[in-house]
Protein backbone atom coordinates (compact mmCIF):
# COMPACT_ATOMS: atom_id res chain seq x y z
CA MET A 1 -45.49 -25.93 36.11
CA HIS A 2 -43.85 -26.10 39.56
CA THR A 3 -44.43 -29.85 39.84
CA LYS A 4 -43.10 -30.51 36.40
CA LEU A 5 -40.00 -28.57 37.10
CA LEU A 6 -39.38 -30.42 40.38
CA SER A 7 -39.89 -33.81 38.71
CA ALA A 8 -37.46 -32.86 35.98
CA ALA A 9 -34.87 -31.86 38.62
CA TRP A 10 -34.89 -35.29 40.15
CA LEU A 11 -34.37 -37.14 36.88
CA LEU A 12 -30.83 -35.84 37.21
CA VAL A 13 -30.35 -37.77 40.45
CA SER A 14 -29.13 -41.43 40.18
CA ALA A 15 -29.92 -44.06 42.73
CA GLY A 16 -27.54 -44.32 45.70
CA ALA A 17 -25.10 -47.20 45.97
CA ALA A 18 -26.66 -48.46 49.22
CA TRP A 19 -30.10 -48.76 47.66
CA SER A 20 -30.52 -52.41 46.58
CA ALA A 21 -34.06 -52.08 45.26
CA PRO A 22 -34.79 -51.02 41.67
CA ALA A 23 -33.85 -47.43 40.81
CA GLU A 24 -37.55 -46.67 40.13
CA GLU A 25 -38.32 -47.25 43.77
CA TYR A 26 -35.45 -44.96 44.78
CA LEU A 27 -36.81 -42.23 42.57
CA LYS A 28 -40.34 -42.67 44.02
CA ALA A 29 -38.90 -42.46 47.58
CA ASN A 30 -36.90 -39.32 46.65
CA GLN A 31 -40.03 -37.77 45.17
CA LEU A 32 -41.85 -38.40 48.39
CA PHE A 33 -39.04 -36.65 50.25
CA GLN A 34 -39.26 -33.62 47.89
CA GLN A 35 -43.00 -33.35 48.36
CA ASN A 36 -43.09 -33.76 52.12
CA CYS A 37 -39.67 -33.06 53.67
CA ALA A 38 -37.35 -31.06 51.49
CA VAL A 39 -38.78 -27.59 52.32
CA CYS A 40 -37.24 -28.05 55.83
CA HIS A 41 -34.53 -30.61 55.48
CA GLY A 42 -33.14 -29.53 52.12
CA ALA A 43 -33.67 -30.83 48.63
CA ASP A 44 -30.35 -32.75 48.93
CA ARG A 45 -31.37 -34.10 52.39
CA GLY A 46 -28.37 -32.32 53.81
CA GLY A 47 -30.27 -29.98 56.14
CA TYR A 48 -31.73 -26.47 55.85
CA ILE A 49 -33.97 -25.01 58.53
CA ALA A 50 -34.16 -28.50 59.98
CA PRO A 51 -31.34 -30.98 60.40
CA GLY A 52 -29.95 -33.13 57.64
CA LEU A 53 -31.54 -36.59 57.08
CA THR A 54 -28.66 -38.71 55.72
CA SER A 55 -27.11 -42.03 56.56
CA ASP A 56 -23.92 -40.47 58.04
CA ARG A 57 -25.95 -38.33 60.50
CA LEU A 58 -28.64 -40.65 61.80
CA VAL A 59 -28.12 -43.01 64.69
CA GLN A 60 -31.73 -44.18 65.08
CA SER A 61 -32.84 -47.51 63.67
CA GLU A 62 -35.05 -47.61 60.59
CA ALA A 63 -37.96 -48.65 62.84
CA ALA A 64 -37.36 -45.61 65.12
CA LEU A 65 -37.30 -43.30 62.10
CA ARG A 66 -40.66 -44.72 60.97
CA GLY A 67 -42.08 -43.92 64.33
CA THR A 68 -40.83 -40.30 64.18
CA ILE A 69 -42.22 -39.84 60.74
CA MET A 70 -45.60 -41.26 61.89
CA THR A 71 -45.91 -39.12 65.03
CA GLY A 72 -44.02 -35.92 64.17
CA ILE A 73 -42.07 -33.77 66.71
CA PRO A 74 -44.16 -31.47 69.04
CA ASP A 75 -43.41 -27.77 69.15
CA THR A 76 -41.67 -27.87 65.81
CA LEU A 77 -42.75 -27.69 62.16
CA MET A 78 -42.44 -31.54 61.90
CA PRO A 79 -45.92 -32.90 61.32
CA PRO A 80 -47.32 -36.36 62.01
CA PHE A 81 -47.44 -38.22 58.71
CA VAL A 82 -49.64 -41.09 59.89
CA GLY A 83 -52.89 -40.92 57.87
CA ARG A 84 -51.21 -38.50 55.34
CA LEU A 85 -48.84 -41.14 53.94
CA SER A 86 -49.42 -44.84 53.60
CA ASP A 87 -47.47 -47.33 55.63
CA GLU A 88 -45.49 -48.35 52.55
CA GLU A 89 -44.63 -44.70 51.78
CA ILE A 90 -43.44 -44.17 55.38
CA ARG A 91 -41.26 -47.24 55.16
CA SER A 92 -39.83 -46.08 51.85
CA LEU A 93 -38.95 -42.62 53.34
CA ALA A 94 -37.33 -44.16 56.40
CA ARG A 95 -35.29 -46.47 54.29
CA LEU A 96 -34.20 -43.61 51.98
CA ILE A 97 -32.91 -41.33 54.78
CA LYS A 98 -31.33 -44.19 56.79
CA THR A 99 -29.35 -45.64 53.84
CA GLN A 100 -28.46 -42.71 51.62
CA ALA A 101 -25.84 -39.99 51.86
CA ALA A 102 -26.72 -36.42 50.79
CA ASP A 103 -27.56 -35.98 47.10
CA ASP A 104 -26.01 -33.42 44.73
CA PRO A 105 -28.84 -32.39 42.45
CA LYS A 106 -28.28 -29.86 39.67
CA TRP A 107 -30.26 -26.82 38.59
CA GLY A 108 -28.20 -24.64 36.29
CA LEU A 109 -28.42 -21.69 33.97
CA ASP A 110 -30.43 -23.52 31.29
CA GLN A 111 -32.99 -24.80 33.79
CA ILE A 112 -33.39 -21.30 35.28
CA ARG A 113 -33.84 -19.72 31.83
CA ALA A 114 -36.42 -22.31 30.78
CA SER A 115 -38.40 -21.78 34.00
CA VAL A 116 -39.01 -18.05 33.57
CA GLN A 117 -42.69 -17.45 33.12
CA VAL A 118 -44.60 -14.21 32.52
CA VAL A 119 -47.75 -14.32 34.65
CA VAL A 120 -49.18 -10.91 34.08
CA ASP A 121 -48.64 -8.47 31.25
CA GLU A 122 -47.03 -5.47 33.09
CA ALA A 123 -48.63 -3.11 30.53
CA THR A 124 -52.01 -3.91 32.08
CA LEU A 125 -50.95 -3.07 35.73
CA PRO A 126 -52.64 -0.13 37.55
CA ALA A 127 -50.93 3.24 37.96
CA LYS A 128 -51.49 3.29 41.68
CA PRO A 129 -52.42 0.96 44.49
CA THR A 130 -55.81 -0.80 44.06
CA TYR A 131 -56.36 -0.93 47.82
CA ALA A 132 -56.73 1.76 50.45
CA ILE A 133 -53.31 2.85 51.73
CA ASP A 134 -51.55 6.24 51.94
CA THR A 135 -48.29 4.85 50.51
CA VAL A 136 -46.88 1.38 49.76
CA TYR A 137 -44.01 2.34 52.09
CA ASP A 138 -46.43 1.66 54.96
CA LEU A 139 -46.78 -2.02 53.90
CA MET A 140 -45.83 -4.69 56.40
CA VAL A 141 -45.34 -8.04 54.78
CA VAL A 142 -45.60 -11.44 56.63
CA MET A 143 -44.37 -14.74 55.37
CA ALA A 144 -47.14 -17.25 56.39
CA ARG A 145 -45.49 -20.58 55.64
CA GLY A 146 -48.75 -22.52 55.80
CA ARG A 147 -49.72 -25.82 57.49
CA TYR A 148 -46.73 -27.55 59.06
CA GLY A 149 -44.48 -24.76 57.85
CA ARG A 150 -44.68 -25.62 54.13
CA GLY A 151 -48.22 -25.33 52.87
CA ASP A 152 -50.26 -28.26 51.68
CA ALA A 153 -52.81 -29.33 49.12
CA GLY A 154 -55.07 -26.56 50.41
CA ASN A 155 -52.53 -24.03 49.15
CA ASN A 156 -52.44 -22.12 52.45
CA ALA A 157 -48.80 -20.93 52.14
CA ARG A 158 -49.06 -17.21 51.45
CA THR A 159 -47.58 -13.78 51.70
CA VAL A 160 -49.83 -11.40 53.66
CA PHE A 161 -49.75 -7.62 53.27
CA LEU A 162 -50.85 -5.27 56.05
CA ASP A 163 -51.15 -1.51 56.25
CA GLY A 164 -48.72 -0.60 58.96
CA LYS A 165 -50.72 2.51 59.98
CA THR A 166 -54.08 0.78 60.42
CA ASN A 167 -52.71 -2.75 61.10
CA LYS A 168 -55.35 -4.15 58.72
CA VAL A 169 -54.75 -6.85 56.06
CA VAL A 170 -54.92 -5.30 52.59
CA GLY A 171 -54.19 -8.38 50.50
CA GLU A 172 -52.30 -11.61 50.13
CA ILE A 173 -50.52 -13.76 47.55
CA ALA A 174 -50.67 -17.55 47.59
CA THR A 175 -47.62 -19.57 46.79
CA PRO A 176 -47.33 -23.37 46.29
CA VAL A 177 -44.62 -23.75 48.95
CA ALA A 178 -43.52 -21.79 52.06
CA PRO A 179 -42.47 -18.23 51.34
CA HIS A 180 -39.24 -17.22 53.15
CA ILE A 181 -37.94 -13.75 52.29
CA MET A 182 -38.81 -10.54 50.42
CA ASP A 183 -36.58 -7.84 49.06
CA PHE A 184 -37.68 -4.48 47.62
CA SER A 185 -36.54 -2.31 44.78
CA PRO A 186 -34.33 0.55 46.05
CA VAL A 187 -35.42 2.78 43.17
CA ALA A 188 -39.04 1.92 42.17
CA GLU A 189 -41.72 1.70 44.94
CA ARG A 190 -44.04 -0.79 43.23
CA TRP A 191 -41.63 -3.67 42.89
CA ALA A 192 -40.65 -6.44 45.27
CA TRP A 193 -39.20 -9.93 44.85
CA LEU A 194 -40.24 -12.90 46.96
CA LYS A 195 -38.35 -16.17 47.43
CA SER A 196 -39.77 -19.37 48.69
CA ASP A 197 -38.02 -22.23 50.30
CA ASP A 198 -38.18 -24.40 47.18
CA GLY A 199 -36.10 -21.92 45.14
CA MET A 200 -38.90 -20.18 43.42
CA VAL A 201 -38.48 -16.39 42.88
CA TYR A 202 -41.51 -14.16 42.24
CA LYS A 203 -41.52 -10.66 40.91
CA ILE A 204 -44.36 -8.85 42.89
CA ASP A 205 -46.30 -5.75 41.90
CA LEU A 206 -47.09 -3.95 45.19
CA TYR A 207 -49.76 -1.80 43.52
CA SER A 208 -52.02 -4.82 42.62
CA LEU A 209 -50.47 -7.37 45.03
CA GLN A 210 -49.99 -10.07 42.36
CA ILE A 211 -47.14 -12.08 40.82
CA VAL A 212 -46.18 -10.76 37.46
CA ARG A 213 -43.17 -13.03 36.71
CA GLN A 214 -41.64 -16.13 38.27
CA ALA A 215 -38.64 -18.45 37.82
CA LYS A 216 -37.17 -21.42 39.66
CA VAL A 217 -33.63 -20.35 40.52
CA GLY A 218 -32.67 -23.26 42.75
CA LEU A 219 -34.02 -26.10 44.87
CA THR A 220 -33.43 -24.93 48.44
CA GLY A 221 -32.25 -21.71 50.01
CA PRO A 222 -33.33 -18.15 50.95
CA GLY A 223 -30.61 -15.81 49.72
CA ILE A 224 -31.81 -12.77 47.66
CA ALA A 225 -30.61 -9.26 47.17
CA LEU A 226 -31.19 -6.29 44.82
CA SER A 227 -28.34 -4.13 43.53
CA ASN A 228 -28.26 -0.48 44.44
CA ASP A 229 -29.61 0.61 41.07
CA GLY A 230 -32.40 -2.04 41.13
CA LYS A 231 -31.21 -3.66 37.91
CA TRP A 232 -29.70 -6.87 39.16
CA LEU A 233 -30.94 -9.64 41.37
CA ALA A 234 -28.53 -12.00 43.15
CA ILE A 235 -29.87 -15.39 44.24
CA SER A 236 -27.92 -17.81 46.34
CA SER A 237 -28.84 -21.42 46.98
CA PHE A 238 -28.16 -24.14 49.53
CA VAL A 239 -29.12 -26.67 46.87
CA PRO A 240 -27.52 -26.69 44.38
CA LYS A 241 -24.53 -24.89 45.93
CA SER A 242 -24.63 -21.90 43.65
CA VAL A 243 -25.32 -18.23 43.05
CA ALA A 244 -27.09 -16.78 40.06
CA ILE A 245 -27.33 -13.15 38.81
CA LEU A 246 -30.61 -12.22 37.11
CA LYS A 247 -32.00 -9.16 35.39
CA ALA A 248 -34.39 -7.88 38.02
CA ASP A 249 -37.04 -6.73 35.64
CA THR A 250 -37.30 -9.88 33.51
CA LEU A 251 -35.76 -12.57 35.77
CA GLU A 252 -33.49 -13.52 32.87
CA PRO A 253 -30.34 -15.27 34.24
CA VAL A 254 -27.09 -13.79 33.07
CA LYS A 255 -24.46 -15.43 35.24
CA TYR A 256 -24.22 -18.65 37.27
CA MET A 257 -21.44 -19.88 39.55
CA ASP A 258 -20.82 -23.04 41.53
CA LEU A 259 -19.79 -22.23 45.10
CA GLU A 260 -16.64 -23.99 46.18
CA GLY A 261 -13.15 -23.26 47.51
CA GLU A 262 -10.70 -23.86 50.35
CA ASP A 263 -12.18 -23.56 53.89
CA PRO A 264 -10.16 -21.99 56.74
CA ASP A 265 -8.34 -25.33 57.29
CA GLY A 266 -7.24 -25.56 53.64
CA LYS A 267 -9.78 -28.27 52.70
CA PHE A 268 -11.48 -27.91 49.37
CA VAL A 269 -15.23 -27.92 49.87
CA LYS A 270 -18.49 -27.35 48.00
CA SER A 271 -20.39 -24.65 49.93
CA ALA A 272 -23.97 -23.73 50.35
CA GLY A 273 -24.79 -20.14 49.43
CA GLY A 274 -25.62 -18.16 52.54
CA PRO A 275 -27.22 -14.71 52.60
CA VAL A 276 -26.28 -12.18 49.91
CA ILE A 277 -26.42 -8.42 50.35
CA GLY A 278 -26.26 -5.47 47.99
CA SER A 279 -23.92 -2.61 48.67
CA ARG A 280 -25.33 0.98 49.02
CA ILE A 281 -22.10 2.79 48.13
CA ASN A 282 -21.70 0.98 44.78
CA ASN A 283 -23.54 -1.69 42.84
CA LYS A 284 -21.69 -4.78 44.19
CA PHE A 285 -23.04 -7.91 45.91
CA ALA A 286 -21.41 -9.70 48.82
CA LEU A 287 -22.18 -13.40 49.10
CA THR A 288 -21.41 -15.66 52.02
CA LEU A 289 -20.10 -19.14 51.38
CA ARG A 290 -21.23 -20.93 54.52
CA GLN A 291 -18.97 -24.01 54.70
CA ALA A 292 -15.99 -22.45 52.75
CA GLY A 293 -15.84 -19.55 55.09
CA GLN A 294 -15.37 -17.17 52.14
CA ILE A 295 -16.99 -13.93 50.99
CA TRP A 296 -17.39 -13.44 47.28
CA ILE A 297 -17.81 -9.82 46.11
CA ILE A 298 -19.50 -9.65 42.70
CA ASP A 299 -19.47 -6.59 40.44
CA PRO A 300 -22.37 -6.81 37.96
CA ASP A 301 -21.42 -3.56 36.24
CA LYS A 302 -18.12 -4.90 34.73
CA PRO A 303 -17.75 -7.29 31.80
CA ASP A 304 -18.43 -10.92 32.85
CA MET A 305 -19.24 -9.71 36.31
CA PRO A 306 -15.85 -10.38 38.00
CA VAL A 307 -15.62 -11.82 41.51
CA THR A 308 -13.26 -10.90 44.34
CA LYS A 309 -12.85 -13.81 46.68
CA LEU A 310 -12.05 -13.19 50.31
CA ALA A 311 -10.78 -16.43 51.94
CA LYS A 312 -10.56 -17.56 55.58
CA VAL A 313 -13.16 -15.04 56.70
CA GLY A 314 -14.69 -17.37 59.28
CA ARG A 315 -16.17 -20.77 60.01
CA MET A 316 -19.82 -21.31 58.99
CA LEU A 317 -20.82 -17.83 57.74
CA HIS A 318 -24.41 -16.76 57.85
CA ASP A 319 -26.46 -13.55 58.21
CA THR A 320 -25.30 -10.14 57.19
CA PHE A 321 -26.39 -6.45 57.33
CA LEU A 322 -24.99 -2.97 56.46
CA THR A 323 -23.52 -0.32 58.66
CA PRO A 324 -25.29 3.11 58.67
CA ASP A 325 -22.89 4.53 55.99
CA GLY A 326 -23.52 1.54 53.76
CA ARG A 327 -19.87 0.84 53.37
CA TYR A 328 -19.48 -2.27 55.56
CA SER A 329 -21.24 -5.58 55.55
CA MET A 330 -21.41 -7.18 58.97
CA VAL A 331 -21.23 -10.96 58.61
CA ALA A 332 -21.96 -13.53 61.36
CA SER A 333 -19.43 -16.36 61.79
CA TYR A 334 -21.20 -19.13 63.67
CA ASP A 335 -18.33 -21.40 64.75
CA ASP A 336 -15.90 -18.54 65.54
CA ASN A 337 -18.27 -16.59 67.73
CA LYS A 338 -17.50 -13.42 65.93
CA ILE A 339 -18.88 -10.74 63.56
CA VAL A 340 -16.71 -9.89 60.59
CA ALA A 341 -16.66 -6.40 58.99
CA ILE A 342 -16.32 -6.46 55.13
CA ASP A 343 -15.42 -3.26 53.34
CA PHE A 344 -17.41 -2.74 50.12
CA LYS A 345 -15.20 0.09 49.04
CA GLU A 346 -11.87 -1.79 49.21
CA ASP A 347 -13.17 -5.35 48.98
CA LYS A 348 -11.44 -6.65 52.10
CA VAL A 349 -11.89 -7.86 55.64
CA VAL A 350 -11.49 -5.01 58.02
CA ARG A 351 -12.16 -6.30 61.58
CA ASP A 352 -13.31 -9.27 63.60
CA ILE A 353 -15.69 -8.33 66.38
CA PRO A 354 -16.11 -10.72 69.33
CA ALA A 355 -19.68 -11.91 69.69
CA GLY A 356 -21.67 -14.24 71.86
CA CYS A 357 -22.42 -17.93 71.19
CA GLN A 358 -23.11 -18.75 67.53
CA PRO A 359 -23.97 -15.19 66.28
CA HIS A 360 -27.16 -14.98 64.18
CA VAL A 361 -27.69 -11.36 63.45
CA GLY A 362 -30.88 -11.70 61.36
CA SER A 363 -31.44 -8.54 59.24
CA GLY A 364 -29.48 -6.59 61.79
CA ALA A 365 -30.49 -3.62 63.94
CA VAL A 366 -28.61 -0.38 64.31
CA THR A 367 -29.89 2.63 66.28
CA GLU A 368 -28.52 5.84 67.63
CA VAL A 369 -27.73 5.97 71.35
CA ASN A 370 -26.23 9.17 72.80
CA GLY A 371 -24.73 10.20 69.45
CA ARG A 372 -23.31 6.80 68.64
CA PHE A 373 -24.73 4.35 66.13
CA LEU A 374 -24.79 1.03 67.91
CA ALA A 375 -25.36 -2.35 66.33
CA PHE A 376 -27.26 -5.13 68.19
CA GLY A 377 -26.27 -8.68 67.31
CA THR A 378 -28.31 -11.68 68.45
CA ASN A 379 -26.67 -14.99 69.24
CA ILE A 380 -28.54 -18.25 68.60
CA GLY A 381 -26.25 -20.73 70.34
CA THR A 382 -25.24 -21.67 73.88
CA CYS A 383 -21.68 -21.67 75.27
CA ASP A 384 -19.69 -20.58 78.32
CA LYS A 385 -20.42 -16.92 77.54
CA GLY A 386 -24.00 -17.45 78.41
CA SER A 387 -26.94 -15.99 76.48
CA VAL A 388 -26.10 -12.44 75.42
CA VAL A 389 -26.89 -9.78 72.83
CA THR A 390 -23.68 -8.18 71.55
CA VAL A 391 -23.63 -4.41 71.19
CA TRP A 392 -20.84 -2.65 69.12
CA ASP A 393 -20.03 0.77 67.81
CA THR A 394 -20.43 0.81 63.96
CA LYS A 395 -17.80 3.51 63.55
CA ASP A 396 -14.77 1.90 65.23
CA PHE A 397 -16.23 -1.65 65.68
CA SER A 398 -15.51 -1.64 69.42
CA VAL A 399 -17.68 -3.85 71.61
CA VAL A 400 -19.79 -1.71 73.93
CA LYS A 401 -21.51 -4.40 75.93
CA GLN A 402 -22.66 -8.03 76.06
CA ILE A 403 -26.28 -7.74 77.40
CA PRO A 404 -27.51 -10.83 79.31
CA VAL A 405 -30.84 -12.12 78.04
CA ALA A 406 -33.13 -15.06 78.88
CA GLY A 407 -31.92 -17.38 76.21
CA ALA A 408 -30.68 -17.84 72.65
CA THR A 409 -31.78 -15.12 70.24
CA GLU A 410 -32.30 -14.97 66.53
CA SER A 411 -33.52 -11.65 65.21
CA PRO A 412 -33.22 -8.08 66.56
CA ALA A 413 -35.45 -5.12 65.68
CA ALA A 414 -35.06 -1.40 66.40
CA HIS A 415 -36.52 1.94 65.28
CA PRO A 416 -35.43 5.50 66.16
CA ASN A 417 -38.97 6.28 67.37
CA ALA A 418 -39.22 3.17 69.66
CA PRO A 419 -37.68 3.03 73.12
CA TYR A 420 -36.73 -0.63 72.89
CA VAL A 421 -34.54 -2.99 70.84
CA ALA A 422 -36.62 -6.16 70.53
CA VAL A 423 -35.06 -9.65 70.37
CA ASP A 424 -36.77 -13.02 70.09
CA ILE A 425 -35.97 -15.85 72.52
CA VAL A 426 -35.83 -19.12 70.61
CA ASP A 427 -35.08 -21.79 73.25
CA LYS A 428 -37.40 -24.81 73.08
CA ASP A 429 -39.32 -24.29 76.28
CA LYS A 430 -41.72 -21.60 77.61
CA ARG A 431 -39.11 -18.96 76.81
CA ALA A 432 -39.81 -19.53 73.10
CA ALA A 433 -42.91 -17.38 73.52
CA TRP A 434 -40.88 -14.41 74.79
CA ILE A 435 -39.78 -11.21 73.21
CA GLN A 436 -37.28 -9.30 75.34
CA LEU A 437 -37.12 -5.52 75.14
CA ILE A 438 -33.76 -3.81 75.67
CA ASP A 439 -33.83 -0.23 76.79
CA LYS A 440 -31.78 1.71 74.24
CA ASN A 441 -30.38 4.13 76.95
CA THR A 442 -29.54 1.71 79.74
CA LEU A 443 -28.65 -1.27 77.48
CA GLU A 444 -30.45 -3.56 79.85
CA VAL A 445 -33.51 -5.83 79.38
CA ALA A 446 -36.35 -3.66 80.60
CA LYS A 447 -39.38 -5.84 79.87
CA THR A 448 -40.41 -9.32 78.65
CA LEU A 449 -43.35 -9.85 76.39
CA ASP A 450 -45.06 -13.22 76.20
CA VAL A 451 -46.81 -13.49 72.79
CA GLY A 452 -48.52 -16.85 73.48
CA GLY A 453 -46.79 -18.76 70.70
CA HIS A 454 -43.28 -19.24 69.46
CA ALA A 455 -42.07 -15.74 69.04
CA PHE A 456 -40.24 -15.02 65.76
CA PHE A 457 -38.80 -12.14 63.78
CA PRO A 458 -40.00 -8.92 65.49
CA ASP A 459 -40.10 -5.79 63.30
CA TYR A 460 -41.32 -2.25 63.75
CA ASN A 461 -43.66 -0.56 61.27
CA ARG A 462 -42.49 2.40 59.26
CA THR A 463 -43.18 5.04 61.94
CA GLY A 464 -42.07 2.91 64.86
CA ASN A 465 -45.25 3.15 66.85
CA TYR A 466 -46.13 -0.59 66.44
CA LEU A 467 -44.11 -3.73 66.99
CA TYR A 468 -45.06 -6.71 64.77
CA VAL A 469 -44.27 -10.29 66.06
CA SER A 470 -44.92 -13.68 64.51
CA SER A 471 -46.49 -16.00 67.07
CA GLY A 472 -45.91 -19.38 65.44
CA TYR A 473 -46.11 -23.19 66.17
CA TRP A 474 -49.01 -23.21 68.64
CA GLY A 475 -49.93 -19.53 68.25
CA ASP A 476 -50.53 -19.22 64.50
CA ARG A 477 -51.02 -15.45 64.64
CA ILE A 478 -49.32 -12.21 63.78
CA LYS A 479 -49.52 -10.01 66.88
CA ILE A 480 -49.13 -6.21 66.88
CA TYR A 481 -48.18 -4.22 69.97
CA ASP A 482 -47.87 -0.57 70.90
CA SER A 483 -44.11 0.02 70.81
CA LYS A 484 -44.15 2.14 73.96
CA THR A 485 -46.76 0.63 76.20
CA LEU A 486 -46.44 -2.95 74.73
CA GLU A 487 -50.20 -3.31 74.84
CA LEU A 488 -51.67 -5.66 72.17
CA VAL A 489 -53.51 -3.49 69.61
CA ALA A 490 -54.27 -6.05 66.86
CA GLU A 491 -53.75 -9.68 65.80
CA HIS A 492 -54.44 -11.75 62.73
CA LYS A 493 -54.73 -15.52 62.42
CA MET A 494 -52.12 -17.06 60.04
CA GLU A 495 -50.70 -20.52 59.66
CA SER A 496 -47.00 -20.67 60.68
CA PRO A 497 -46.18 -16.97 60.33
CA SER A 498 -42.43 -16.27 60.10
CA GLY A 499 -40.43 -13.43 58.59
CA ILE A 500 -41.79 -9.90 58.69
CA PHE A 501 -40.63 -7.25 56.21
CA SER A 502 -41.36 -3.52 56.13
CA ARG A 503 -41.50 -1.92 52.65
CA ALA A 504 -39.79 1.09 54.16
CA ARG A 505 -36.60 -0.94 54.62
CA THR A 506 -35.13 0.64 51.47
CA ARG A 507 -35.57 4.07 52.96
CA TRP A 508 -32.94 3.34 55.57
CA LEU A 509 -29.75 1.42 55.10
CA THR A 510 -30.24 -0.73 58.14
CA ILE A 511 -33.21 -1.54 60.34
CA GLY A 512 -33.34 0.92 63.20
CA LEU A 513 -32.15 4.07 61.43
CA SER A 514 -34.10 7.17 60.35
CA GLU A 515 -35.58 7.43 56.80
CA THR A 516 -32.75 8.92 54.74
CA ARG A 517 -33.18 7.44 51.21
CA LYS A 518 -35.67 9.50 49.12
CA PHE A 519 -36.98 8.91 45.65
């Protein structure tokens, strides 16, 4: 089904003007790109977790591009394609990305609706977990992207489930293409929703660890969020530039919007859909429009699901997380070096918070320090501020400290029972294997942990006594450490592990807080 859907999508793309060969050859080259490159570079070739591959971005000759495709790029997810693709296919790919601008493929409401598939009859599901675990809230879930970060014909892209108490694998779910993100029902413990980088959304039963429904909601992009009542699912896409609202239980689409508007400079742009988050004081969603610099607040409980549009919020918006009271969404603005506080109660921008270089706050981390709830924001870029982690008070939004760290950082992790806030160093040298541990009391880097592979996405288990870290690229393992002694207590081999998600996330509003939400 997946291959047929993808092929159908590209029947909507016409050959580019600079392509002098027959349109059939263009379509074949484009299909090669979708099968081998789109998961990282975007289905429109405009860039995603890897740079855009379009005629207006590339300065290399076509021969040089062929060489890169053949050999790959070490210490990245870019594989060598020599031996995997024929010389003719490599030449065709190089010609495509050298001569063509970004595409604008479509995948709308009708395509989403037609793609919905029931995989398992929910009436047949078990009444309790079919594997040994005290509670599904102890689950730790790892996105194992598979060979070369996308999976391959061996179908080794998978989502791996571990018991956070015993650190043992309890099951896994295979997906055709790299899984990216998982969100969980705030009201029913057995349900989760998985999104992979090709726009597939899967409804997951956590009792039997299997897919029960699936739909293709876009072509590229990770954005996914559940409403506070668990009834609505918001899905944003990089490609096409859109957001869709689905019924969470059935995956039936009920609203679809193209993302476009004026950017902070007054230029009308089409914008990729960045992360989306669900409020915890009402049922609204807040969606970031990356290039447009806008926040759209969607109310799914009102007729036609009206949208409040906040303009000129920032330049190149990305990650977001909630404050401890659930009222404010903290949005990273890459090109402004700031964090923006969005008020879910009054639907407005409240405050700009100075950050480090190109803030990338991941899923956020907030923890109590001497009676104050402090947020820790990572910064993925480099500028004259140096490499820092920004700390601010979530009550008055005042900056408490800029903590010097060893390099650019991507994702923070905290837990009330753990002494450290963990941040991953993502510079492309030996520091990429480092996790730095910030002492919550001194707000200084206390220790550095070398995980032996590219360190990604640290997260604590439910009780905070273990720290999980993805050791990717050359590590290909998930590593688990004692959160106090930092001794390695367990590890599991996986291909290209990335995001780590605790099922207990819905029992606190933001990572790093105590469990407050009960069912």
